[in-house]
Amino acid sequence: MKKFISLMLVAILALGLAACNKEEKAATDSGGEKKKDDQIVFGYTSMTQNNPFFQILEESIRKEVEAKGDKLITTNPAMDVALQINQIEDMIAQGIDAIYLNPVDWEGIRPALQMLKEANIPIINYDTEVKDFDYVTAYVGSDNKNAGRVCGEDLVKRFPNGGKIVILDSPTMNSVNDRIAGFEEAIKGKGFEVVAQQDAKGDLETALDLTEDILQAHNDVIAIMGGNDPTALGALAAVKAANKTDIIIYGVDGSPDAKAAIAEGGPFVGTGAQSPIQIGVQSVEVAYKVLNKEKFEKRTPVETFLINKDNVEKYGLDGWQ
């Protein structure tokens, strides 16, 4: 009888250890760290983490999330929508509770939105809206239309009689679409002629190459509007190389590089500034409201404003506002 009881105890202990190991394994994420029972795990994806704007934004979100004892899983699709969809699928498999999502392609991201909906994972869409907005739980982003509008208004003040201009946009990025729309509204009926409008893909090198070609075809351009600061900085490099520094340039972001260029007093005269730090902070606030079933706004706009030579020192040249 004693031997039988001993065997039973050994079996019970073995079963208990197996159950514990199973629970421990289930609570361990792909990084090998144990997930606490009450820890919330967020996914994060941007169109590219190679852009300083999104680097700062991710740092802002991470700081807020980790301060609460929770976890952020970050991915970098580097402007590849197929990769972004695969990475989101992987994060779903890792058991994320919610996701901060900025799409590479505002239309092409739809398969990932469908997967997230099927997994019942809230989507905090930030900075750039997805086209299929019904999938989104909440959106947090800059007032992009205003960011473009303030550039257009400044252009009208500088050239009240109008002139020939260039627009470097990026149609797959809806944030850029909104900026260009705001810019075009501000200059409508003011005597401006768009002699070239091309897709710079939000990229400095692409913008540089495009601008070089455009300036060869049009020697009487007075201004260039870039959909973001990297685009504007690419145009700036081309303008300087062509020794056409009387052409003025606008961007959108308020990045340190753009502010430094504005402070120099050259062709780069203004940027429709936004705050990646505040977008991050407010995205986290909304996400916790969603998860805690508290009241939240479907859309949370973040202020945008013009930075030019008159106020650039106020915002500092070595960091984001």
C-alpha atoms as a PDB file:
ATOM      1  CA  MET A   1       0.000   0.000   0.000  1.00  0.00           C
ATOM      2  CA  LYS A   2       2.831   2.433   0.892  1.00  0.00           C
ATOM      3  CA  LYS A   3       4.485   1.681  -2.410  1.00  0.00           C
ATOM      4  CA  PHE A   4       1.210   2.346  -4.276  1.00  0.00           C
ATOM      5  CA  ILE A   5       0.712   5.685  -2.464  1.00  0.00           C
ATOM      6  CA  SER A   6       4.289   6.709  -3.267  1.00  0.00           C
ATOM      7  CA  LEU A   7       3.745   5.939  -6.953  1.00  0.00           C
ATOM      8  CA  MET A   8       0.522   7.956  -6.949  1.00  0.00           C
ATOM      9  CA  LEU A   9       2.268  10.950  -5.372  1.00  0.00           C
ATOM     10  CA  VAL A  10       5.057  10.803  -7.965  1.00  0.00           C
ATOM     11  CA  ALA A  11       2.472  10.707 -10.764  1.00  0.00           C
ATOM     12  CA  ILE A  12       0.562  13.665  -9.307  1.00  0.00           C
ATOM     13  CA  LEU A  13       3.773  15.693  -8.979  1.00  0.00           C
ATOM     14  CA  ALA A  14       4.752  14.873 -12.554  1.00  0.00           C
ATOM     15  CA  LEU A  15       1.362  16.004 -13.836  1.00  0.00           C
ATOM     16  CA  GLY A  16       1.653  19.226 -11.824  1.00  0.00           C
ATOM     17  CA  LEU A  17       5.091  19.985 -13.210  1.00  0.00           C
ATOM     18  CA  ALA A  18       3.899  19.334 -16.757  1.00  0.00           C
ATOM     19  CA  ALA A  19       0.966  21.713 -16.271  1.00  0.00           C
ATOM     20  CA  CYS A  20       3.254  24.403 -14.867  1.00  0.00           C
ATOM     21  CA  ASN A  21       5.672  24.007 -17.770  1.00  0.00           C
ATOM     22  CA  LYS A  22       2.819  24.273 -20.230  1.00  0.00           C
ATOM     23  CA  GLU A  23       1.538  27.467 -18.586  1.00  0.00           C
ATOM     24  CA  GLU A  24       5.044  28.915 -18.482  1.00  0.00           C
ATOM     25  CA  LYS A  25       5.570  28.161 -22.163  1.00  0.00           C
ATOM     26  CA  ALA A  26       2.230  29.726 -23.083  1.00  0.00           C
ATOM     27  CA  ALA A  27       3.172  32.861 -21.174  1.00  0.00           C
ATOM     28  CA  THR A  28       6.471  33.207 -23.017  1.00  0.00           C
ATOM     29  CA  ASP A  29       6.602  35.371 -26.134  1.00  0.00           C
ATOM     30  CA  SER A  30       8.836  34.946 -29.186  1.00  0.00           C
ATOM     31  CA  GLY A  31      11.548  37.004 -27.537  1.00  0.00           C
ATOM     32  CA  GLY A  32      11.907  34.455 -24.779  1.00  0.00           C
ATOM     33  CA  GLU A  33      10.518  36.713 -22.071  1.00  0.00           C
ATOM     34  CA  LYS A  34       7.727  35.579 -19.811  1.00  0.00           C
ATOM     35  CA  LYS A  35       4.523  37.526 -20.204  1.00  0.00           C
ATOM     36  CA  LYS A  36       3.031  38.521 -16.880  1.00  0.00           C
ATOM     37  CA  ASP A  37      -0.571  37.486 -16.357  1.00  0.00           C
ATOM     38  CA  ASP A  38      -1.740  41.106 -16.339  1.00  0.00           C
ATOM     39  CA  GLN A  39       0.730  42.436 -18.943  1.00  0.00           C
ATOM     40  CA  ILE A  40      -0.717  43.958 -22.094  1.00  0.00           C
ATOM     41  CA  VAL A  41       1.219  43.331 -25.312  1.00  0.00           C
ATOM     42  CA  PHE A  42       0.951  45.866 -28.126  1.00  0.00           C
ATOM     43  CA  GLY A  43       2.118  45.523 -31.704  1.00  0.00           C
ATOM     44  CA  TYR A  44       3.653  48.474 -33.542  1.00  0.00           C
ATOM     45  CA  THR A  45       4.103  48.900 -37.276  1.00  0.00           C
ATOM     46  CA  SER A  46       4.907  51.987 -39.338  1.00  0.00           C
ATOM     47  CA  MET A  47       5.439  52.372 -43.070  1.00  0.00           C
ATOM     48  CA  THR A  48       9.187  52.512 -42.319  1.00  0.00           C
ATOM     49  CA  GLN A  49      11.345  52.802 -39.229  1.00  0.00           C
ATOM     50  CA  ASN A  50      14.095  54.210 -41.441  1.00  0.00           C
ATOM     51  CA  ASN A  51      12.403  57.633 -41.191  1.00  0.00           C
ATOM     52  CA  PRO A  52      13.426  59.664 -38.082  1.00  0.00           C
ATOM     53  CA  PHE A  53       9.803  60.779 -37.646  1.00  0.00           C
ATOM     54  CA  PHE A  54       8.659  57.206 -37.028  1.00  0.00           C
ATOM     55  CA  GLN A  55      11.693  56.443 -34.873  1.00  0.00           C
ATOM     56  CA  ILE A  56      10.738  59.244 -32.498  1.00  0.00           C
ATOM     57  CA  LEU A  57       7.071  58.243 -32.622  1.00  0.00           C
ATOM     58  CA  GLU A  58       7.900  54.635 -31.718  1.00  0.00           C
ATOM     59  CA  GLU A  59      10.109  55.797 -28.851  1.00  0.00           C
ATOM     60  CA  SER A  60       7.233  57.925 -27.556  1.00  0.00           C
ATOM     61  CA  ILE A  61       4.803  54.986 -27.636  1.00  0.00           C
ATOM     62  CA  ARG A  62       7.339  52.594 -26.098  1.00  0.00           C
ATOM     63  CA  LYS A  63       8.087  54.990 -23.245  1.00  0.00           C
ATOM     64  CA  GLU A  64       4.401  55.305 -22.349  1.00  0.00           C
ATOM     65  CA  VAL A  65       3.643  51.579 -22.694  1.00  0.00           C
ATOM     66  CA  GLU A  66       6.652  50.357 -20.725  1.00  0.00           C
ATOM     67  CA  ALA A  67       6.003  52.922 -17.976  1.00  0.00           C
ATOM     68  CA  LYS A  68       2.790  50.994 -17.327  1.00  0.00           C
ATOM     69  CA  GLY A  69       4.643  47.676 -17.172  1.00  0.00           C
ATOM     70  CA  ASP A  70       3.377  46.557 -20.560  1.00  0.00           C
ATOM     71  CA  LYS A  71       5.166  45.471 -23.726  1.00  0.00           C
ATOM     72  CA  LEU A  72       5.608  46.770 -27.276  1.00  0.00           C
ATOM     73  CA  ILE A  73       6.595  44.540 -30.216  1.00  0.00           C
ATOM     74  CA  THR A  74       8.033  46.688 -33.023  1.00  0.00           C
ATOM     75  CA  THR A  75       8.419  45.743 -36.684  1.00  0.00           C
ATOM     76  CA  ASN A  76       9.878  47.560 -39.699  1.00  0.00           C
ATOM     77  CA  PRO A  77       8.400  46.778 -43.133  1.00  0.00           C
ATOM     78  CA  ALA A  78      10.631  49.426 -44.755  1.00  0.00           C
ATOM     79  CA  MET A  79       7.992  50.530 -47.303  1.00  0.00           C
ATOM     80  CA  ASP A  80       7.094  46.952 -48.337  1.00  0.00           C
ATOM     81  CA  VAL A  81       3.335  46.406 -47.882  1.00  0.00           C
ATOM     82  CA  ALA A  82       3.588  42.615 -48.402  1.00  0.00           C
ATOM     83  CA  LEU A  83       6.191  42.435 -45.644  1.00  0.00           C
ATOM     84  CA  GLN A  84       4.046  44.620 -43.394  1.00  0.00           C
ATOM     85  CA  ILE A  85       1.099  42.253 -43.811  1.00  0.00           C
ATOM     86  CA  ASN A  86       3.303  39.235 -42.977  1.00  0.00           C
ATOM     87  CA  GLN A  87       4.731  40.986 -39.921  1.00  0.00           C
ATOM     88  CA  ILE A  88       1.237  41.815 -38.659  1.00  0.00           C
ATOM     89  CA  GLU A  89       0.238  38.175 -39.116  1.00  0.00           C
ATOM     90  CA  ASP A  90       3.264  37.181 -36.999  1.00  0.00           C
ATOM     91  CA  MET A  91       2.286  39.658 -34.263  1.00  0.00           C
ATOM     92  CA  ILE A  92      -1.232  38.240 -34.189  1.00  0.00           C
ATOM     93  CA  ALA A  93       0.305  34.787 -33.676  1.00  0.00           C
ATOM     94  CA  GLN A  94       2.349  36.210 -30.794  1.00  0.00           C
ATOM     95  CA  GLY A  95      -0.867  37.174 -29.022  1.00  0.00           C
ATOM     96  CA  ILE A  96      -0.887  40.964 -29.172  1.00  0.00           C
ATOM     97  CA  ASP A  97      -3.800  42.643 -27.403  1.00  0.00           C
ATOM     98  CA  ALA A  98      -3.908  45.719 -29.677  1.00  0.00           C
ATOM     99  CA  ILE A  99      -1.865  47.259 -32.482  1.00  0.00           C
ATOM    100  CA  TYR A 100      -0.564  50.708 -33.396  1.00  0.00           C
ATOM    101  CA  LEU A 101      -0.735  50.735 -37.200  1.00  0.00           C
ATOM    102  CA  ASN A 102       0.568  53.116 -39.846  1.00  0.00           C
ATOM    103  CA  PRO A 103       0.165  51.629 -43.347  1.00  0.00           C
ATOM    104  CA  VAL A 104       2.799  51.384 -46.064  1.00  0.00           C
ATOM    105  CA  ASP A 105      -0.052  51.519 -48.572  1.00  0.00           C
ATOM    106  CA  TRP A 106      -3.375  52.920 -47.346  1.00  0.00           C
ATOM    107  CA  GLU A 107      -5.294  50.610 -49.727  1.00  0.00           C
ATOM    108  CA  GLY A 108      -2.972  47.609 -49.920  1.00  0.00           C
ATOM    109  CA  ILE A 109      -3.018  47.033 -46.150  1.00  0.00           C
ATOM    110  CA  ARG A 110      -6.576  45.663 -46.253  1.00  0.00           C
ATOM    111  CA  PRO A 111      -5.668  41.924 -45.861  1.00  0.00           C
ATOM    112  CA  ALA A 112      -3.959  42.752 -42.546  1.00  0.00           C
ATOM    113  CA  LEU A 113      -6.983  44.730 -41.382  1.00  0.00           C
ATOM    114  CA  GLN A 114      -9.184  41.733 -42.113  1.00  0.00           C
ATOM    115  CA  MET A 115      -6.883  39.419 -40.132  1.00  0.00           C
ATOM    116  CA  LEU A 116      -6.864  41.796 -37.169  1.00  0.00           C
ATOM    117  CA  LYS A 117     -10.649  42.033 -37.232  1.00  0.00           C
ATOM    118  CA  GLU A 118     -10.995  38.245 -37.294  1.00  0.00           C
ATOM    119  CA  ALA A 119      -8.616  38.042 -34.318  1.00  0.00           C
ATOM    120  CA  ASN A 120     -10.676  40.717 -32.498  1.00  0.00           C
ATOM    121  CA  ILE A 121      -7.604  42.933 -32.053  1.00  0.00           C
ATOM    122  CA  PRO A 122      -8.254  46.688 -31.704  1.00  0.00           C
ATOM    123  CA  ILE A 123      -6.510  48.838 -34.319  1.00  0.00           C
ATOM    124  CA  ILE A 124      -5.120  52.214 -33.303  1.00  0.00           C
ATOM    125  CA  ASN A 125      -4.443  53.698 -36.733  1.00  0.00           C
ATOM    126  CA  TYR A 126      -1.993  56.610 -36.474  1.00  0.00           C
ATOM    127  CA  ASP A 127      -0.499  59.329 -38.694  1.00  0.00           C
ATOM    128  CA  THR A 128      -1.840  57.964 -42.014  1.00  0.00           C
ATOM    129  CA  GLU A 129      -5.424  56.768 -42.341  1.00  0.00           C
ATOM    130  CA  VAL A 130      -6.201  53.446 -44.005  1.00  0.00           C
ATOM    131  CA  LYS A 131      -8.724  53.570 -46.831  1.00  0.00           C
ATOM    132  CA  ASP A 132     -10.986  50.916 -45.270  1.00  0.00           C
ATOM    133  CA  PHE A 133     -11.570  53.032 -42.192  1.00  0.00           C
ATOM    134  CA  ASP A 134     -14.433  50.858 -40.902  1.00  0.00           C
ATOM    135  CA  TYR A 135     -11.824  48.333 -39.721  1.00  0.00           C
ATOM    136  CA  VAL A 136     -10.186  50.934 -37.484  1.00  0.00           C
ATOM    137  CA  THR A 137     -11.020  51.201 -33.788  1.00  0.00           C
ATOM    138  CA  ALA A 138      -9.575  54.714 -33.426  1.00  0.00           C
ATOM    139  CA  TYR A 139      -7.348  57.119 -35.335  1.00  0.00           C
ATOM    140  CA  VAL A 140      -4.732  59.528 -33.956  1.00  0.00           C
ATOM    141  CA  GLY A 141      -2.839  61.816 -36.286  1.00  0.00           C
ATOM    142  CA  SER A 142      -1.756  65.263 -37.282  1.00  0.00           C
ATOM    143  CA  ASP A 143      -4.157  67.633 -38.962  1.00  0.00           C
ATOM    144  CA  ASN A 144      -2.414  66.898 -42.253  1.00  0.00           C
ATOM    145  CA  LYS A 145      -4.649  69.072 -44.378  1.00  0.00           C
ATOM    146  CA  ASN A 146      -3.744  72.059 -42.232  1.00  0.00           C
ATOM    147  CA  ALA A 147      -0.036  71.150 -42.420  1.00  0.00           C
ATOM    148  CA  GLY A 148      -0.214  71.584 -46.184  1.00  0.00           C
ATOM    149  CA  ARG A 149      -2.550  74.566 -45.991  1.00  0.00           C
ATOM    150  CA  VAL A 150      -0.159  76.661 -43.875  1.00  0.00           C
ATOM    151  CA  CYS A 151       2.557  76.115 -46.488  1.00  0.00           C
ATOM    152  CA  GLY A 152       0.213  77.213 -49.260  1.00  0.00           C
ATOM    153  CA  GLU A 153      -0.852  80.298 -47.330  1.00  0.00           C
ATOM    154  CA  ASP A 154       2.784  81.277 -46.811  1.00  0.00           C
ATOM    155  CA  LEU A 155       3.490  80.810 -50.533  1.00  0.00           C
ATOM    156  CA  VAL A 156       0.590  83.125 -51.450  1.00  0.00           C
ATOM    157  CA  LYS A 157       1.978  85.817 -49.135  1.00  0.00           C
ATOM    158  CA  ARG A 158       5.423  85.577 -50.736  1.00  0.00           C
ATOM    159  CA  PHE A 159       4.116  85.501 -54.325  1.00  0.00           C
ATOM    160  CA  PRO A 160       0.785  87.385 -54.438  1.00  0.00           C
ATOM    161  CA  ASN A 161       0.857  87.312 -58.255  1.00  0.00           C
ATOM    162  CA  GLY A 162       1.341  83.542 -58.435  1.00  0.00           C
ATOM    163  CA  GLY A 163       3.799  81.642 -60.626  1.00  0.00           C
ATOM    164  CA  LYS A 164       4.883  78.180 -61.791  1.00  0.00           C
ATOM    165  CA  ILE A 165       5.321  75.550 -59.079  1.00  0.00           C
ATOM    166  CA  VAL A 166       6.169  71.858 -58.603  1.00  0.00           C
ATOM    167  CA  ILE A 167       4.449  69.380 -56.295  1.00  0.00           C
ATOM    168  CA  LEU A 168       6.223  66.230 -55.117  1.00  0.00           C
ATOM    169  CA  ASP A 169       3.577  63.950 -53.643  1.00  0.00           C
ATOM    170  CA  SER A 170       3.183  60.264 -52.705  1.00  0.00           C
ATOM    171  CA  PRO A 171      -0.248  58.843 -53.622  1.00  0.00           C
ATOM    172  CA  THR A 172       0.041  55.640 -51.556  1.00  0.00           C
ATOM    173  CA  MET A 173       0.461  57.734 -48.382  1.00  0.00           C
ATOM    174  CA  ASN A 174      -2.888  59.257 -47.483  1.00  0.00           C
ATOM    175  CA  SER A 175      -1.256  61.645 -45.013  1.00  0.00           C
ATOM    176  CA  VAL A 176       0.641  63.149 -47.947  1.00  0.00           C
ATOM    177  CA  ASN A 177      -2.537  63.220 -50.039  1.00  0.00           C
ATOM    178  CA  ASP A 178      -4.213  65.294 -47.319  1.00  0.00           C
ATOM    179  CA  ARG A 179      -1.250  67.666 -47.095  1.00  0.00           C
ATOM    180  CA  ILE A 180      -1.231  68.278 -50.832  1.00  0.00           C
ATOM    181  CA  ALA A 181      -5.007  68.782 -50.805  1.00  0.00           C
ATOM    182  CA  GLY A 182      -4.659  71.443 -48.089  1.00  0.00           C
ATOM    183  CA  PHE A 183      -1.824  73.112 -49.996  1.00  0.00           C
ATOM    184  CA  GLU A 184      -3.845  73.156 -53.236  1.00  0.00           C
ATOM    185  CA  GLU A 185      -6.867  74.637 -51.468  1.00  0.00           C
ATOM    186  CA  ALA A 186      -4.729  77.477 -50.112  1.00  0.00           C
ATOM    187  CA  ILE A 187      -3.303  78.436 -53.530  1.00  0.00           C
ATOM    188  CA  LYS A 188      -6.465  77.882 -55.606  1.00  0.00           C
ATOM    189  CA  GLY A 189      -7.379  80.913 -57.680  1.00  0.00           C
ATOM    190  CA  LYS A 190      -4.186  82.740 -56.707  1.00  0.00           C
ATOM    191  CA  GLY A 191      -2.436  82.583 -60.078  1.00  0.00           C
ATOM    192  CA  PHE A 192      -0.277  79.485 -59.521  1.00  0.00           C
ATOM    193  CA  GLU A 193       0.354  76.887 -62.237  1.00  0.00           C
ATOM    194  CA  VAL A 194       1.503  73.369 -61.354  1.00  0.00           C
ATOM    195  CA  VAL A 195       3.954  72.509 -64.145  1.00  0.00           C
ATOM    196  CA  ALA A 196       4.912  69.129 -62.665  1.00  0.00           C
ATOM    197  CA  GLN A 197       3.384  66.852 -60.034  1.00  0.00           C
ATOM    198  CA  GLN A 198       5.205  63.574 -59.446  1.00  0.00           C
ATOM    199  CA  ASP A 199       5.416  60.711 -56.951  1.00  0.00           C
ATOM    200  CA  ALA A 200       8.555  61.087 -54.840  1.00  0.00           C
ATOM    201  CA  LYS A 201       7.540  58.133 -52.614  1.00  0.00           C
ATOM    202  CA  GLY A 202       8.339  60.227 -49.540  1.00  0.00           C
ATOM    203  CA  ASP A 203      12.019  59.555 -50.213  1.00  0.00           C
ATOM    204  CA  LEU A 204      14.949  61.994 -50.329  1.00  0.00           C
ATOM    205  CA  GLU A 205      16.885  60.288 -53.136  1.00  0.00           C
ATOM    206  CA  THR A 206      13.803  59.878 -55.321  1.00  0.00           C
ATOM    207  CA  ALA A 207      12.878  63.523 -54.793  1.00  0.00           C
ATOM    208  CA  LEU A 208      16.410  64.624 -55.684  1.00  0.00           C
ATOM    209  CA  ASP A 209      16.360  62.699 -58.984  1.00  0.00           C
ATOM    210  CA  LEU A 210      12.866  63.891 -59.912  1.00  0.00           C
ATOM    211  CA  THR A 211      13.664  67.512 -59.127  1.00  0.00           C
ATOM    212  CA  GLU A 212      16.826  67.438 -61.236  1.00  0.00           C
ATOM    213  CA  ASP A 213      14.793  66.254 -64.240  1.00  0.00           C
ATOM    214  CA  ILE A 214      11.968  68.734 -63.622  1.00  0.00           C
ATOM    215  CA  LEU A 215      14.334  71.702 -63.364  1.00  0.00           C
ATOM    216  CA  GLN A 216      15.881  70.795 -66.707  1.00  0.00           C
ATOM    217  CA  ALA A 217      12.427  70.857 -68.307  1.00  0.00           C
ATOM    218  CA  HIS A 218      11.162  73.960 -66.488  1.00  0.00           C
ATOM    219  CA  ASN A 219      13.575  76.816 -65.871  1.00  0.00           C
ATOM    220  CA  ASP A 220      11.017  79.273 -64.508  1.00  0.00           C
ATOM    221  CA  VAL A 221       9.780  77.418 -61.416  1.00  0.00           C
ATOM    222  CA  ILE A 222       9.399  79.639 -58.348  1.00  0.00           C
ATOM    223  CA  ALA A 223       8.512  77.051 -55.667  1.00  0.00           C
ATOM    224  CA  ILE A 224       8.453  73.345 -54.809  1.00  0.00           C
ATOM    225  CA  MET A 225       6.048  71.721 -52.353  1.00  0.00           C
ATOM    226  CA  GLY A 226       7.206  68.429 -50.842  1.00  0.00           C
ATOM    227  CA  GLY A 227       4.758  66.018 -49.208  1.00  0.00           C
ATOM    228  CA  ASN A 228       7.168  65.480 -46.298  1.00  0.00           C
ATOM    229  CA  ASP A 229      10.521  66.802 -45.121  1.00  0.00           C
ATOM    230  CA  PRO A 230      12.690  64.064 -46.706  1.00  0.00           C
ATOM    231  CA  THR A 231      11.088  64.912 -50.060  1.00  0.00           C
ATOM    232  CA  ALA A 232      11.695  68.626 -49.517  1.00  0.00           C
ATOM    233  CA  LEU A 233      15.312  67.983 -48.512  1.00  0.00           C
ATOM    234  CA  GLY A 234      15.842  65.991 -51.708  1.00  0.00           C
ATOM    235  CA  ALA A 235      14.449  68.907 -53.703  1.00  0.00           C
ATOM    236  CA  LEU A 236      16.742  71.248 -51.771  1.00  0.00           C
ATOM    237  CA  ALA A 237      19.807  69.217 -52.759  1.00  0.00           C
ATOM    238  CA  ALA A 238      18.758  69.328 -56.417  1.00  0.00           C
ATOM    239  CA  VAL A 239      18.093  73.075 -56.338  1.00  0.00           C
ATOM    240  CA  LYS A 240      21.511  73.725 -54.798  1.00  0.00           C
ATOM    241  CA  ALA A 241      23.238  71.456 -57.332  1.00  0.00           C
ATOM    242  CA  ALA A 242      21.545  73.332 -60.178  1.00  0.00           C
ATOM    243  CA  ASN A 243      22.456  76.680 -58.582  1.00  0.00           C
ATOM    244  CA  LYS A 244      18.805  77.728 -58.606  1.00  0.00           C
ATOM    245  CA  THR A 245      18.587  78.846 -55.016  1.00  0.00           C
ATOM    246  CA  ASP A 246      15.961  81.481 -55.826  1.00  0.00           C
ATOM    247  CA  ILE A 247      13.410  78.634 -55.881  1.00  0.00           C
ATOM    248  CA  ILE A 248      11.697  78.306 -52.499  1.00  0.00           C
ATOM    249  CA  ILE A 249      10.860  74.932 -50.938  1.00  0.00           C
ATOM    250  CA  TYR A 250       8.273  73.701 -48.442  1.00  0.00           C
ATOM    251  CA  GLY A 251       8.025  70.406 -46.596  1.00  0.00           C
ATOM    252  CA  VAL A 252       5.898  68.845 -43.885  1.00  0.00           C
ATOM    253  CA  ASP A 253       7.108  67.300 -40.604  1.00  0.00           C
ATOM    254  CA  GLY A 254       9.145  69.835 -38.668  1.00  0.00           C
ATOM    255  CA  SER A 255      12.137  67.496 -38.580  1.00  0.00           C
ATOM    256  CA  PRO A 256      15.477  68.628 -37.105  1.00  0.00           C
ATOM    257  CA  ASP A 257      17.104  68.505 -40.573  1.00  0.00           C
ATOM    258  CA  ALA A 258      14.366  70.660 -42.063  1.00  0.00           C
ATOM    259  CA  LYS A 259      14.566  73.166 -39.215  1.00  0.00           C
ATOM    260  CA  ALA A 260      18.342  73.387 -39.637  1.00  0.00           C
ATOM    261  CA  ALA A 261      17.883  74.069 -43.360  1.00  0.00           C
ATOM    262  CA  ILE A 262      15.286  76.751 -42.624  1.00  0.00           C
ATOM    263  CA  ALA A 263      17.590  78.390 -40.067  1.00  0.00           C
ATOM    264  CA  GLU A 264      20.308  78.673 -42.731  1.00  0.00           C
ATOM    265  CA  GLY A 265      18.079  81.096 -44.593  1.00  0.00           C
ATOM    266  CA  GLY A 266      18.317  79.320 -47.947  1.00  0.00           C
ATOM    267  CA  PRO A 267      15.663  77.978 -50.342  1.00  0.00           C
ATOM    268  CA  PHE A 268      13.962  75.840 -47.672  1.00  0.00           C
ATOM    269  CA  VAL A 269      11.586  78.424 -46.212  1.00  0.00           C
ATOM    270  CA  GLY A 270       8.927  76.496 -44.307  1.00  0.00           C
ATOM    271  CA  THR A 271       7.640  73.193 -42.997  1.00  0.00           C
ATOM    272  CA  GLY A 272       4.145  72.293 -41.841  1.00  0.00           C
ATOM    273  CA  ALA A 273       5.215  71.018 -38.457  1.00  0.00           C
ATOM    274  CA  GLN A 274       3.770  68.135 -36.520  1.00  0.00           C
ATOM    275  CA  SER A 275       4.775  66.366 -33.317  1.00  0.00           C
ATOM    276  CA  PRO A 276       5.580  62.642 -33.443  1.00  0.00           C
ATOM    277  CA  ILE A 277       5.976  62.740 -29.668  1.00  0.00           C
ATOM    278  CA  GLN A 278       2.400  63.925 -29.150  1.00  0.00           C
ATOM    279  CA  ILE A 279       1.017  61.512 -31.731  1.00  0.00           C
ATOM    280  CA  GLY A 280       2.666  58.712 -29.748  1.00  0.00           C
ATOM    281  CA  VAL A 281       1.449  59.923 -26.362  1.00  0.00           C
ATOM    282  CA  GLN A 282      -2.117  60.408 -27.532  1.00  0.00           C
ATOM    283  CA  SER A 283      -2.162  57.082 -29.387  1.00  0.00           C
ATOM    284  CA  VAL A 284      -1.301  55.305 -26.136  1.00  0.00           C
ATOM    285  CA  GLU A 285      -3.953  57.228 -24.202  1.00  0.00           C
ATOM    286  CA  VAL A 286      -6.594  56.179 -26.720  1.00  0.00           C
ATOM    287  CA  ALA A 287      -5.403  52.553 -26.791  1.00  0.00           C
ATOM    288  CA  TYR A 288      -5.788  52.126 -23.030  1.00  0.00           C
ATOM    289  CA  LYS A 289      -9.224  53.712 -23.128  1.00  0.00           C
ATOM    290  CA  VAL A 290     -10.224  51.184 -25.787  1.00  0.00           C
ATOM    291  CA  LEU A 291      -8.865  48.214 -23.827  1.00  0.00           C
ATOM    292  CA  ASN A 292     -10.391  49.446 -20.567  1.00  0.00           C
ATOM    293  CA  LYS A 293     -13.757  49.946 -22.317  1.00  0.00           C
ATOM    294  CA  GLU A 294     -13.741  53.647 -21.492  1.00  0.00           C
ATOM    295  CA  LYS A 295     -15.212  56.350 -23.707  1.00  0.00           C
ATOM    296  CA  PHE A 296     -12.864  57.452 -26.506  1.00  0.00           C
ATOM    297  CA  GLU A 297     -12.940  59.576 -29.650  1.00  0.00           C
ATOM    298  CA  LYS A 298     -12.940  57.818 -33.018  1.00  0.00           C
ATOM    299  CA  ARG A 299     -10.592  60.501 -34.354  1.00  0.00           C
ATOM    300  CA  THR A 300      -8.032  62.461 -32.348  1.00  0.00           C
ATOM    301  CA  PRO A 301      -6.413  65.311 -34.333  1.00  0.00           C
ATOM    302  CA  VAL A 302      -2.978  66.567 -33.289  1.00  0.00           C
ATOM    303  CA  GLU A 303      -2.076  70.236 -33.929  1.00  0.00           C
ATOM    304  CA  THR A 304       0.008  71.277 -36.949  1.00  0.00           C
ATOM    305  CA  PHE A 305       1.546  74.702 -37.634  1.00  0.00           C
ATOM    306  CA  LEU A 306       4.094  76.460 -39.843  1.00  0.00           C
ATOM    307  CA  ILE A 307       7.736  76.676 -38.845  1.00  0.00           C
ATOM    308  CA  ASN A 308       9.707  79.289 -40.770  1.00  0.00           C
ATOM    309  CA  LYS A 309      12.762  81.457 -40.202  1.00  0.00           C
ATOM    310  CA  ASP A 310      10.819  83.741 -37.867  1.00  0.00           C
ATOM    311  CA  ASN A 311      10.046  81.060 -35.285  1.00  0.00           C
ATOM    312  CA  VAL A 312      12.415  78.149 -35.973  1.00  0.00           C
ATOM    313  CA  GLU A 313      14.688  78.945 -33.016  1.00  0.00           C
ATOM    314  CA  LYS A 314      11.683  78.637 -30.693  1.00  0.00           C
ATOM    315  CA  TYR A 315      11.284  74.980 -31.579  1.00  0.00           C
ATOM    316  CA  GLY A 316      14.968  74.051 -31.451  1.00  0.00           C
ATOM    317  CA  LEU A 317      17.141  72.634 -34.200  1.00  0.00           C
ATOM    318  CA  ASP A 318      18.363  69.404 -32.615  1.00  0.00           C
ATOM    319  CA  GLY A 319      15.115  67.636 -31.774  1.00  0.00           C
ATOM    320  CA  TRP A 320      11.425  67.243 -32.528  1.00  0.00           C
ATOM    321  CA  GLN A 321       8.752  69.481 -31.078  1.00  0.00           C
END
